């Protein structure tokens, strides 16, 4: 197995923090994936039942397959296994999720938050100034989605 560059690499001090980061980000992604599954369960059932009782032009079950397309897009954005290279997308997603979520993946958001925190503390900032900078970044990401 090839370990990623960000993983543990011999010297405890040099590899410890990238490793801890990978563990914490993996845990965050597990939580996000589970939240997605909890939401997806009733939404997919409702879409499937709705598809049985409505007549739409085209493929039977279109609403259900649209839910699957959105779920696939969200799963790819979570990319739970990115610490070991991730996995390949199953193909281009045509879902509407892209319009609502923007192009940011979980890794992109984590990376940007890390950069802001490092920059704030590197310039002599305090925890309060780092928190304010992270809040501005998250507001910017949220506003870009609209």
N, C-alpha and C. Protein backbone atom coordinates (compact mmCIF):
# COMPACT_ATOMS: atom_id res chain seq x y z
N UNK A 1 0.85 -1.18 0.00
CA UNK A 1 0.00 0.00 0.00
C UNK A 1 0.89 1.24 0.00
N UNK A 2 0.60 2.16 -0.87
CA UNK A 2 1.34 3.42 -0.93
C UNK A 2 0.71 4.43 0.01
N UNK A 3 1.48 4.92 0.96
CA UNK A 3 0.96 5.93 1.87
C UNK A 3 1.06 7.30 1.23
N UNK A 4 0.08 8.16 1.49
CA UNK A 4 0.11 9.50 0.91
C UNK A 4 1.22 10.34 1.54
N UNK A 5 1.61 11.37 0.83
CA UNK A 5 2.66 12.25 1.34
C UNK A 5 2.25 12.93 2.64
N UNK A 6 0.95 13.16 2.82
CA UNK A 6 0.51 13.87 4.02
C UNK A 6 0.48 12.96 5.24
N UNK A 7 0.67 11.65 5.06
CA UNK A 7 0.59 10.72 6.17
C UNK A 7 1.87 10.66 6.98
N UNK A 8 1.92 9.78 7.95
CA UNK A 8 3.06 9.61 8.84
C UNK A 8 4.26 9.15 8.04
N UNK A 9 5.42 9.81 8.24
CA UNK A 9 6.59 9.52 7.41
C UNK A 9 7.86 9.29 8.19
N UNK A 10 7.80 8.81 9.35
CA UNK A 10 9.04 8.51 10.05
C UNK A 10 9.26 9.38 11.27
N UNK A 11 9.67 10.63 11.08
CA UNK A 11 9.92 11.50 12.22
C UNK A 11 8.58 11.87 12.86
N UNK A 12 8.42 11.54 14.14
CA UNK A 12 7.13 11.78 14.79
C UNK A 12 6.64 13.21 14.69
N UNK A 13 7.51 14.18 14.93
CA UNK A 13 7.06 15.58 14.92
C UNK A 13 6.67 16.03 13.52
N UNK A 14 7.39 15.56 12.51
CA UNK A 14 7.14 15.99 11.13
C UNK A 14 5.85 15.40 10.58
N UNK A 15 5.55 14.16 10.92
CA UNK A 15 4.40 13.49 10.34
C UNK A 15 3.17 13.44 11.21
N UNK A 16 3.30 13.85 12.46
CA UNK A 16 2.18 13.71 13.38
C UNK A 16 0.99 14.58 12.99
N UNK A 17 1.21 15.85 12.72
CA UNK A 17 0.08 16.76 12.47
C UNK A 17 -0.63 16.50 11.14
N UNK A 18 0.10 16.20 10.07
CA UNK A 18 -0.63 15.81 8.85
C UNK A 18 -1.47 14.55 9.07
N UNK A 19 -0.94 13.62 9.87
CA UNK A 19 -1.67 12.40 10.17
C UNK A 19 -2.93 12.71 10.99
N UNK A 20 -2.78 13.53 12.03
CA UNK A 20 -3.92 13.91 12.87
C UNK A 20 -4.97 14.62 12.01
N UNK A 21 -4.52 15.49 11.10
CA UNK A 21 -5.43 16.18 10.20
C UNK A 21 -6.20 15.18 9.35
N UNK A 22 -5.50 14.19 8.77
CA UNK A 22 -6.16 13.18 7.94
C UNK A 22 -7.21 12.41 8.74
N UNK A 23 -6.88 12.07 9.98
CA UNK A 23 -7.83 11.35 10.84
C UNK A 23 -9.06 12.21 11.11
N UNK A 24 -8.84 13.48 11.47
CA UNK A 24 -9.97 14.36 11.79
C UNK A 24 -10.85 14.64 10.57
N UNK A 25 -10.22 14.86 9.41
CA UNK A 25 -10.99 15.11 8.19
C UNK A 25 -11.77 13.86 7.81
N UNK A 26 -11.17 12.68 7.98
CA UNK A 26 -11.87 11.43 7.69
C UNK A 26 -13.10 11.30 8.58
N UNK A 27 -12.96 11.62 9.86
CA UNK A 27 -14.10 11.54 10.78
C UNK A 27 -15.21 12.51 10.37
N UNK A 28 -14.82 13.73 9.98
CA UNK A 28 -15.79 14.71 9.50
C UNK A 28 -16.53 14.17 8.28
N UNK A 29 -15.79 13.57 7.37
CA UNK A 29 -16.40 13.03 6.15
C UNK A 29 -17.33 11.86 6.47
N UNK A 30 -16.97 11.04 7.45
CA UNK A 30 -17.86 9.95 7.86
C UNK A 30 -19.19 10.51 8.37
N UNK A 31 -19.11 11.57 9.18
CA UNK A 31 -20.33 12.19 9.70
C UNK A 31 -21.16 12.76 8.55
N UNK A 32 -20.51 13.49 7.63
CA UNK A 32 -21.24 14.07 6.50
C UNK A 32 -21.88 12.98 5.64
N UNK A 33 -21.15 11.89 5.40
CA UNK A 33 -21.70 10.78 4.62
C UNK A 33 -22.89 10.15 5.30
N UNK A 34 -22.83 10.01 6.62
CA UNK A 34 -23.95 9.43 7.35
C UNK A 34 -25.15 10.35 7.36
N UNK A 35 -24.93 11.65 7.48
CA UNK A 35 -26.04 12.61 7.41
C UNK A 35 -26.69 12.51 6.03
N UNK A 36 -25.87 12.43 5.00
CA UNK A 36 -26.40 12.29 3.64
C UNK A 36 -27.24 11.02 3.53
N UNK A 37 -26.77 9.92 4.08
CA UNK A 37 -27.53 8.66 4.02
C UNK A 37 -28.85 8.76 4.76
N UNK A 38 -28.85 9.40 5.93
CA UNK A 38 -30.08 9.55 6.70
C UNK A 38 -31.10 10.38 5.93
N UNK A 39 -30.64 11.44 5.27
CA UNK A 39 -31.54 12.28 4.48
C UNK A 39 -31.98 11.55 3.21
N UNK A 40 -31.06 10.82 2.60
CA UNK A 40 -31.33 10.16 1.34
C UNK A 40 -32.36 9.04 1.46
N UNK A 41 -32.39 8.36 2.57
CA UNK A 41 -33.32 7.25 2.75
C UNK A 41 -34.77 7.67 2.50
N UNK A 42 -35.31 8.64 3.24
CA UNK A 42 -36.71 9.00 2.98
C UNK A 42 -36.91 9.73 1.65
N UNK A 43 -35.94 10.54 1.25
CA UNK A 43 -36.08 11.29 0.00
C UNK A 43 -36.14 10.34 -1.18
N UNK A 44 -35.31 9.31 -1.19
CA UNK A 44 -35.31 8.37 -2.31
C UNK A 44 -36.59 7.53 -2.33
N UNK A 45 -37.10 7.16 -1.16
CA UNK A 45 -38.36 6.41 -1.11
C UNK A 45 -39.52 7.26 -1.61
N UNK A 46 -39.57 8.50 -1.17
CA UNK A 46 -40.63 9.42 -1.63
C UNK A 46 -40.54 9.61 -3.14
N UNK A 47 -39.33 9.79 -3.66
CA UNK A 47 -39.16 9.97 -5.11
C UNK A 47 -39.58 8.71 -5.86
N UNK A 48 -39.26 7.54 -5.32
CA UNK A 48 -39.62 6.28 -5.98
C UNK A 48 -41.13 6.09 -6.00
N UNK A 49 -41.80 6.35 -4.87
CA UNK A 49 -43.26 6.21 -4.82
C UNK A 49 -43.92 7.24 -5.71
N UNK A 50 -43.44 8.46 -5.67
CA UNK A 50 -43.96 9.52 -6.54
C UNK A 50 -43.85 9.11 -8.01
N UNK A 51 -42.73 8.49 -8.36
CA UNK A 51 -42.51 8.07 -9.74
C UNK A 51 -43.52 7.00 -10.17
N UNK A 52 -43.96 6.17 -9.23
CA UNK A 52 -44.93 5.13 -9.56
C UNK A 52 -46.31 5.69 -9.89
N UNK A 53 -46.65 6.82 -9.29
CA UNK A 53 -48.01 7.35 -9.42
C UNK A 53 -48.13 8.57 -10.32
N UNK A 54 -47.05 9.01 -10.88
CA UNK A 54 -47.12 10.15 -11.80
C UNK A 54 -46.67 9.72 -13.18
N UNK A 55 -47.16 10.43 -14.13
CA UNK A 55 -46.80 10.12 -15.51
C UNK A 55 -45.97 11.28 -16.03
N UNK A 56 -44.72 11.01 -16.30
CA UNK A 56 -43.81 12.00 -16.87
C UNK A 56 -43.28 11.44 -18.18
N UNK A 57 -43.04 12.34 -19.10
CA UNK A 57 -42.45 11.91 -20.36
C UNK A 57 -41.03 11.40 -20.11
N UNK A 58 -40.64 10.39 -20.83
CA UNK A 58 -39.28 9.87 -20.69
C UNK A 58 -39.24 8.62 -19.85
N UNK A 59 -38.11 8.41 -19.23
CA UNK A 59 -37.81 7.20 -18.48
C UNK A 59 -38.69 7.07 -17.24
N UNK A 60 -39.16 5.88 -16.98
CA UNK A 60 -39.92 5.60 -15.75
C UNK A 60 -39.01 5.85 -14.55
N UNK A 61 -39.49 6.56 -13.57
CA UNK A 61 -38.72 6.80 -12.35
C UNK A 61 -37.77 7.98 -12.43
N UNK A 62 -38.03 8.91 -13.32
CA UNK A 62 -37.13 10.05 -13.49
C UNK A 62 -36.82 10.77 -12.17
N UNK A 63 -37.82 11.08 -11.32
CA UNK A 63 -37.49 11.75 -10.05
C UNK A 63 -36.54 10.93 -9.17
N UNK A 64 -36.74 9.62 -9.15
CA UNK A 64 -35.87 8.75 -8.37
C UNK A 64 -34.43 8.81 -8.89
N UNK A 65 -34.28 8.73 -10.20
CA UNK A 65 -32.93 8.77 -10.78
C UNK A 65 -32.29 10.15 -10.63
N UNK A 66 -33.08 11.19 -10.57
CA UNK A 66 -32.54 12.53 -10.30
C UNK A 66 -31.99 12.60 -8.88
N UNK A 67 -32.69 11.97 -7.93
CA UNK A 67 -32.19 11.91 -6.55
C UNK A 67 -30.86 11.15 -6.52
N UNK A 68 -30.78 10.04 -7.25
CA UNK A 68 -29.54 9.27 -7.30
C UNK A 68 -28.39 10.10 -7.88
N UNK A 69 -28.69 10.87 -8.90
CA UNK A 69 -27.67 11.71 -9.54
C UNK A 69 -27.15 12.77 -8.57
N UNK A 70 -28.05 13.39 -7.85
CA UNK A 70 -27.66 14.39 -6.85
C UNK A 70 -26.84 13.74 -5.73
N UNK A 71 -27.28 12.56 -5.28
CA UNK A 71 -26.56 11.85 -4.21
C UNK A 71 -25.16 11.47 -4.65
N UNK A 72 -25.02 11.02 -5.90
CA UNK A 72 -23.70 10.66 -6.42
C UNK A 72 -22.78 11.89 -6.42
N UNK A 73 -23.32 13.02 -6.87
CA UNK A 73 -22.53 14.25 -6.90
C UNK A 73 -22.07 14.64 -5.49
N UNK A 74 -22.96 14.53 -4.53
CA UNK A 74 -22.59 14.87 -3.15
C UNK A 74 -21.55 13.91 -2.59
N UNK A 75 -21.70 12.61 -2.88
CA UNK A 75 -20.72 11.61 -2.43
C UNK A 75 -19.34 11.93 -3.01
N UNK A 76 -19.30 12.31 -4.29
CA UNK A 76 -18.03 12.63 -4.93
C UNK A 76 -17.41 13.87 -4.30
N UNK A 77 -18.23 14.80 -3.85
CA UNK A 77 -17.70 16.00 -3.20
C UNK A 77 -17.18 15.69 -1.81
N UNK A 78 -17.78 14.74 -1.13
CA UNK A 78 -17.28 14.33 0.18
C UNK A 78 -15.96 13.58 0.01
N UNK A 79 -15.86 12.72 -0.98
CA UNK A 79 -14.64 11.96 -1.32
C UNK A 79 -13.96 11.44 -0.06
N UNK A 80 -14.64 10.55 0.61
CA UNK A 80 -14.23 10.08 1.92
C UNK A 80 -12.81 9.51 1.96
N UNK A 81 -12.34 8.94 0.87
CA UNK A 81 -11.03 8.28 0.87
C UNK A 81 -9.92 9.13 0.25
N UNK A 82 -10.06 10.43 0.25
CA UNK A 82 -9.06 11.29 -0.38
C UNK A 82 -7.70 11.21 0.29
N UNK A 83 -7.62 10.84 1.56
CA UNK A 83 -6.34 10.75 2.25
C UNK A 83 -5.44 9.67 1.65
N UNK A 84 -6.03 8.70 0.94
CA UNK A 84 -5.23 7.66 0.29
C UNK A 84 -5.42 7.69 -1.23
N UNK A 85 -5.78 8.85 -1.74
CA UNK A 85 -5.88 9.00 -3.19
C UNK A 85 -7.29 9.08 -3.72
N UNK A 86 -8.27 8.89 -2.86
CA UNK A 86 -9.65 9.01 -3.30
C UNK A 86 -10.07 7.90 -4.23
N UNK A 87 -11.15 8.12 -4.91
CA UNK A 87 -11.63 7.17 -5.91
C UNK A 87 -12.07 7.96 -7.11
N UNK A 88 -12.14 7.30 -8.23
CA UNK A 88 -12.48 7.98 -9.47
C UNK A 88 -13.98 8.19 -9.56
N UNK A 89 -14.38 9.33 -10.09
CA UNK A 89 -15.80 9.61 -10.31
C UNK A 89 -16.34 8.60 -11.30
N UNK A 90 -17.62 8.31 -11.17
CA UNK A 90 -18.24 7.33 -12.05
C UNK A 90 -18.66 7.95 -13.36
N UNK A 91 -18.31 9.17 -13.58
CA UNK A 91 -18.65 9.86 -14.82
C UNK A 91 -19.15 11.24 -14.49
N UNK A 92 -19.30 12.08 -15.50
CA UNK A 92 -19.76 13.44 -15.24
C UNK A 92 -21.17 13.43 -14.70
N UNK A 93 -21.38 14.23 -13.69
CA UNK A 93 -22.70 14.32 -13.07
C UNK A 93 -23.45 15.50 -13.67
N UNK A 94 -24.69 15.26 -14.05
CA UNK A 94 -25.49 16.33 -14.63
C UNK A 94 -26.50 16.85 -13.63
N UNK A 95 -26.26 16.58 -12.35
CA UNK A 95 -27.25 16.93 -11.34
C UNK A 95 -27.36 18.42 -11.10
N UNK A 96 -28.47 18.76 -10.49
CA UNK A 96 -28.69 20.15 -10.10
C UNK A 96 -27.92 20.49 -8.85
N UNK A 97 -27.32 19.52 -8.17
CA UNK A 97 -26.55 19.79 -6.95
C UNK A 97 -25.41 20.76 -7.23
N UNK A 98 -24.83 20.67 -8.41
CA UNK A 98 -23.72 21.55 -8.75
C UNK A 98 -24.13 23.01 -8.67
N UNK A 99 -25.34 23.31 -9.07
CA UNK A 99 -25.81 24.69 -9.05
C UNK A 99 -26.01 25.17 -7.61
N UNK A 100 -26.34 24.26 -6.71
CA UNK A 100 -26.61 24.66 -5.34
C UNK A 100 -25.37 24.61 -4.45
N UNK A 101 -24.43 23.76 -4.79
CA UNK A 101 -23.29 23.55 -3.92
C UNK A 101 -22.05 24.25 -4.43
N UNK A 102 -22.03 24.65 -5.65
CA UNK A 102 -20.83 25.24 -6.22
C UNK A 102 -19.87 24.13 -6.56
N UNK A 103 -18.63 24.47 -6.76
CA UNK A 103 -17.65 23.46 -7.14
C UNK A 103 -16.80 22.99 -5.96
N UNK A 104 -17.10 23.43 -4.76
CA UNK A 104 -16.28 23.12 -3.60
C UNK A 104 -16.51 21.69 -3.13
N UNK A 105 -15.40 21.01 -2.82
CA UNK A 105 -15.47 19.71 -2.18
C UNK A 105 -15.18 19.91 -0.69
N UNK A 106 -15.38 18.89 0.09
CA UNK A 106 -15.06 18.97 1.52
C UNK A 106 -13.57 19.28 1.69
N UNK A 107 -12.74 18.64 0.87
CA UNK A 107 -11.29 18.90 0.95
C UNK A 107 -10.96 20.35 0.64
N UNK A 108 -11.64 20.95 -0.34
CA UNK A 108 -11.41 22.36 -0.67
C UNK A 108 -11.73 23.26 0.52
N UNK A 109 -12.87 23.01 1.15
CA UNK A 109 -13.29 23.84 2.29
C UNK A 109 -12.31 23.68 3.45
N UNK A 110 -11.92 22.43 3.75
CA UNK A 110 -10.97 22.19 4.85
C UNK A 110 -9.64 22.89 4.55
N UNK A 111 -9.17 22.78 3.31
CA UNK A 111 -7.90 23.40 2.92
C UNK A 111 -7.97 24.92 3.11
N UNK A 112 -9.07 25.54 2.67
CA UNK A 112 -9.20 26.99 2.80
C UNK A 112 -9.26 27.42 4.26
N UNK A 113 -9.98 26.66 5.08
CA UNK A 113 -10.05 26.98 6.51
C UNK A 113 -8.67 26.87 7.13
N UNK A 114 -7.93 25.81 6.79
CA UNK A 114 -6.56 25.66 7.31
C UNK A 114 -5.68 26.83 6.91
N UNK A 115 -5.77 27.24 5.64
CA UNK A 115 -4.95 28.36 5.17
C UNK A 115 -5.25 29.64 5.94
N UNK A 116 -6.52 29.89 6.21
CA UNK A 116 -6.91 31.09 6.95
C UNK A 116 -6.36 31.04 8.37
N UNK A 117 -6.50 29.89 9.02
CA UNK A 117 -6.02 29.76 10.40
C UNK A 117 -4.50 29.93 10.46
N UNK A 118 -3.79 29.27 9.55
CA UNK A 118 -2.33 29.38 9.53
C UNK A 118 -1.91 30.82 9.27
N UNK A 119 -2.56 31.48 8.32
CA UNK A 119 -2.22 32.87 8.00
C UNK A 119 -2.47 33.78 9.19
N UNK A 120 -3.60 33.60 9.87
CA UNK A 120 -3.91 34.46 11.02
C UNK A 120 -2.92 34.27 12.15
N UNK A 121 -2.61 33.02 12.49
CA UNK A 121 -1.66 32.78 13.57
C UNK A 121 -0.24 33.14 13.15
N UNK A 122 0.08 32.97 11.88
CA UNK A 122 1.41 33.32 11.37
C UNK A 122 1.67 34.81 11.42
N UNK A 123 0.61 35.60 11.29
CA UNK A 123 0.77 37.05 11.33
C UNK A 123 0.55 37.60 12.74
N UNK A 124 0.60 36.71 13.73
CA UNK A 124 0.47 37.15 15.12
C UNK A 124 -0.96 37.30 15.58
N UNK A 125 -1.88 36.74 14.83
CA UNK A 125 -3.29 36.83 15.19
C UNK A 125 -3.62 35.99 16.41
N UNK A 126 -4.76 36.25 16.96
CA UNK A 126 -5.25 35.50 18.12
C UNK A 126 -6.30 34.51 17.67
N UNK A 127 -6.75 33.69 18.60
CA UNK A 127 -7.81 32.73 18.28
C UNK A 127 -9.07 33.47 17.82
N UNK A 128 -9.34 34.62 18.41
CA UNK A 128 -10.53 35.39 18.03
C UNK A 128 -10.40 35.91 16.60
N UNK A 129 -9.22 36.38 16.22
CA UNK A 129 -9.06 36.88 14.85
C UNK A 129 -9.09 35.73 13.85
N UNK A 130 -8.56 34.56 14.22
CA UNK A 130 -8.64 33.39 13.35
C UNK A 130 -10.09 32.96 13.18
N UNK A 131 -10.86 32.99 14.26
CA UNK A 131 -12.28 32.62 14.18
C UNK A 131 -13.03 33.59 13.28
N UNK A 132 -12.75 34.87 13.40
CA UNK A 132 -13.41 35.87 12.55
C UNK A 132 -13.04 35.66 11.09
N UNK A 133 -11.78 35.34 10.82
CA UNK A 133 -11.33 35.11 9.44
C UNK A 133 -11.99 33.86 8.86
N UNK A 134 -12.12 32.80 9.66
CA UNK A 134 -12.79 31.58 9.20
C UNK A 134 -14.26 31.87 8.92
N UNK A 135 -14.90 32.65 9.78
CA UNK A 135 -16.30 33.02 9.56
C UNK A 135 -16.47 33.79 8.25
N UNK A 136 -15.54 34.71 7.97
CA UNK A 136 -15.61 35.45 6.69
C UNK A 136 -15.45 34.51 5.51
N UNK A 137 -14.52 33.56 5.60
CA UNK A 137 -14.31 32.60 4.53
C UNK A 137 -15.57 31.75 4.30
N UNK A 138 -16.15 31.24 5.37
CA UNK A 138 -17.35 30.41 5.24
C UNK A 138 -18.52 31.21 4.68
N UNK A 139 -18.65 32.48 5.08
CA UNK A 139 -19.69 33.34 4.51
C UNK A 139 -19.47 33.54 3.02
N UNK A 140 -18.21 33.72 2.64
CA UNK A 140 -17.87 33.90 1.22
C UNK A 140 -18.23 32.65 0.41
N UNK A 141 -17.91 31.47 0.95
CA UNK A 141 -18.24 30.21 0.26
C UNK A 141 -19.75 30.06 0.15
N UNK A 142 -20.47 30.35 1.22
CA UNK A 142 -21.94 30.22 1.20
C UNK A 142 -22.56 31.20 0.22
N UNK A 143 -22.06 32.43 0.17
CA UNK A 143 -22.62 33.44 -0.75
C UNK A 143 -22.31 33.12 -2.19
N UNK A 144 -21.20 32.44 -2.46
CA UNK A 144 -20.85 32.06 -3.83
C UNK A 144 -21.81 31.01 -4.38
N UNK A 145 -22.42 30.23 -3.52
CA UNK A 145 -23.33 29.18 -3.93
C UNK A 145 -24.65 29.72 -4.42
N UNK A 146 -25.00 30.91 -4.03
CA UNK A 146 -26.32 31.48 -4.38
C UNK A 146 -26.33 32.09 -5.73
